[in-house]
Amino acid sequence: MFEHWPDVTPSLRREVHPPTPVYIDLGTAIPTHSHAFGANETPLRVRAGGLELTGQVPGLLHAWARSRDGDWIALVTMTVRTSNRQGSMEIQQWCSQRALTQRPEDNGNGV
């Protein structure tokens, strides 16, 4: 995963083995436009069958990496469902540490 990023001391990156269970706040991890004002012009079929990107979902934390401003970002996997719950998609992506909270069954490998 980090083969093209030379390491320094202290390290700016870390793989998490085994992956740690976390909750991911989808609104923070994948921010989207919201229709705050006026009528929603999005077609009903899109609102029903599109991905639901709000709330929290369980996921796994695989790695940490430090950004140049000092924040940590997390590589996570999660399953995102459609609004009508008839479909889903597994996603692996980097997101802000602010999107994560530990799940009670966390084994202590998080930062």
Protein backbone atom coordinates (compact mmCIF):
# COMPACT_ATOMS: atom_id res chain seq x y z
CA MET A 1 0.00 0.00 0.00
CA PHE A 2 2.77 2.47 0.91
CA GLU A 3 5.48 1.12 -1.43
CA HIS A 4 5.94 4.50 -3.20
CA TRP A 5 6.11 6.59 -0.02
CA PRO A 6 9.46 6.51 1.81
CA ASP A 7 9.10 6.29 5.58
CA VAL A 8 10.55 8.71 8.14
CA THR A 9 10.84 8.59 11.93
CA PRO A 10 8.38 8.99 13.49
CA SER A 11 6.32 7.35 10.78
CA LEU A 12 3.69 9.34 8.87
CA ARG A 13 1.75 6.21 7.95
CA ARG A 14 0.64 2.96 9.49
CA GLU A 15 -1.19 -0.14 8.34
CA VAL A 16 -3.65 -1.60 10.83
CA HIS A 17 -3.48 -5.39 11.20
CA PRO A 18 -5.98 -6.81 11.75
CA PRO A 19 -8.37 -4.11 10.49
CA THR A 20 -10.15 -2.31 13.33
CA PRO A 21 -13.97 -2.07 13.51
CA VAL A 22 -15.18 1.54 13.34
CA TYR A 23 -18.32 3.53 12.59
CA ILE A 24 -18.09 5.92 9.63
CA ASP A 25 -20.18 9.09 9.45
CA LEU A 26 -21.10 9.13 5.76
CA GLY A 27 -21.91 12.84 5.66
CA THR A 28 -18.36 13.63 6.81
CA ALA A 29 -16.63 10.89 4.80
CA ILE A 30 -18.49 11.61 1.53
CA PRO A 31 -19.90 15.14 1.61
CA THR A 32 -22.56 15.84 -1.02
CA HIS A 33 -24.80 18.77 -1.94
CA SER A 34 -28.03 18.91 -0.04
CA HIS A 35 -31.22 20.50 -1.25
CA ALA A 36 -31.74 22.75 1.77
CA PHE A 37 -34.09 25.23 0.15
CA GLY A 38 -37.12 24.80 -2.09
CA ALA A 39 -38.60 21.72 -3.69
CA ASN A 40 -36.34 18.77 -4.39
CA GLU A 41 -36.06 18.48 -8.17
CA THR A 42 -34.25 15.13 -8.04
CA PRO A 43 -36.39 12.45 -9.74
CA LEU A 44 -38.09 9.98 -7.39
CA ARG A 45 -36.29 7.00 -8.97
CA VAL A 46 -32.94 8.62 -8.11
CA ARG A 47 -34.01 9.49 -4.56
CA ALA A 48 -35.23 5.90 -4.04
CA GLY A 49 -32.45 3.99 -5.81
CA GLY A 50 -29.48 6.29 -5.19
CA LEU A 51 -26.90 5.71 -2.49
CA GLU A 52 -27.83 6.87 1.02
CA LEU A 53 -24.86 8.99 2.11
CA THR A 54 -26.07 10.12 5.53
CA GLY A 55 -25.88 8.57 8.96
CA GLN A 56 -23.33 6.13 10.32
CA VAL A 57 -22.37 2.73 8.95
CA PRO A 58 -20.06 0.07 10.36
CA GLY A 59 -16.76 -0.36 8.59
CA LEU A 60 -13.15 -1.46 8.97
CA LEU A 61 -10.09 0.74 9.40
CA HIS A 62 -7.12 -0.53 7.34
CA ALA A 63 -4.51 2.24 7.56
CA TRP A 64 -3.63 5.74 8.73
CA ALA A 65 -1.69 8.40 6.80
CA ARG A 66 -0.68 11.88 7.88
CA SER A 67 -1.50 14.88 5.69
CA ARG A 68 0.89 17.83 5.35
CA ASP A 69 -1.25 19.93 7.70
CA GLY A 70 -0.88 17.33 10.46
CA ASP A 71 -4.30 15.70 10.24
CA TRP A 72 -4.65 11.94 10.00
CA ILE A 73 -6.68 10.35 7.22
CA ALA A 74 -8.01 6.83 7.41
CA LEU A 75 -8.33 4.10 4.79
CA VAL A 76 -11.65 2.38 5.46
CA THR A 77 -13.99 -0.12 3.86
CA MET A 78 -17.73 0.13 4.31
CA THR A 79 -20.97 -0.93 2.70
CA VAL A 80 -23.25 1.86 1.48
CA ARG A 81 -26.88 1.03 0.77
CA THR A 82 -29.40 2.55 -1.59
CA SER A 83 -32.22 4.63 -0.11
CA ASN A 84 -34.78 1.92 -0.87
CA ARG A 85 -32.50 -0.74 0.72
CA GLN A 86 -32.68 -2.89 -2.42
CA GLY A 87 -29.02 -2.43 -3.35
CA SER A 88 -25.64 -1.85 -1.82
CA MET A 89 -22.02 -1.25 -2.75
CA GLU A 90 -18.78 -1.90 -0.86
CA ILE A 91 -16.47 1.11 -0.87
CA GLN A 92 -12.81 1.47 0.10
CA GLN A 93 -11.65 5.05 0.46
CA TRP A 94 -9.56 7.55 2.40
CA CYS A 95 -11.48 9.89 4.67
CA SER A 96 -10.89 12.36 7.48
CA GLN A 97 -10.34 10.97 10.96
CA ARG A 98 -13.32 13.13 11.97
CA ALA A 99 -15.59 10.69 10.12
CA LEU A 100 -14.61 7.79 12.41
CA THR A 101 -15.62 6.61 15.85
CA GLN A 102 -14.54 3.37 17.48
CA ARG A 103 -17.00 0.53 17.68
CA PRO A 104 -17.35 -1.07 21.13
CA GLU A 105 -15.70 -4.28 19.85
CA ASP A 106 -12.61 -2.26 18.81
CA ASN A 107 -9.42 -4.20 19.52
CA GLY A 108 -7.34 -1.07 20.23
CA ASN A 109 -5.43 -0.76 16.93
CA GLY A 110 -6.73 2.73 16.05
CA VAL A 111 -4.73 5.93 16.40
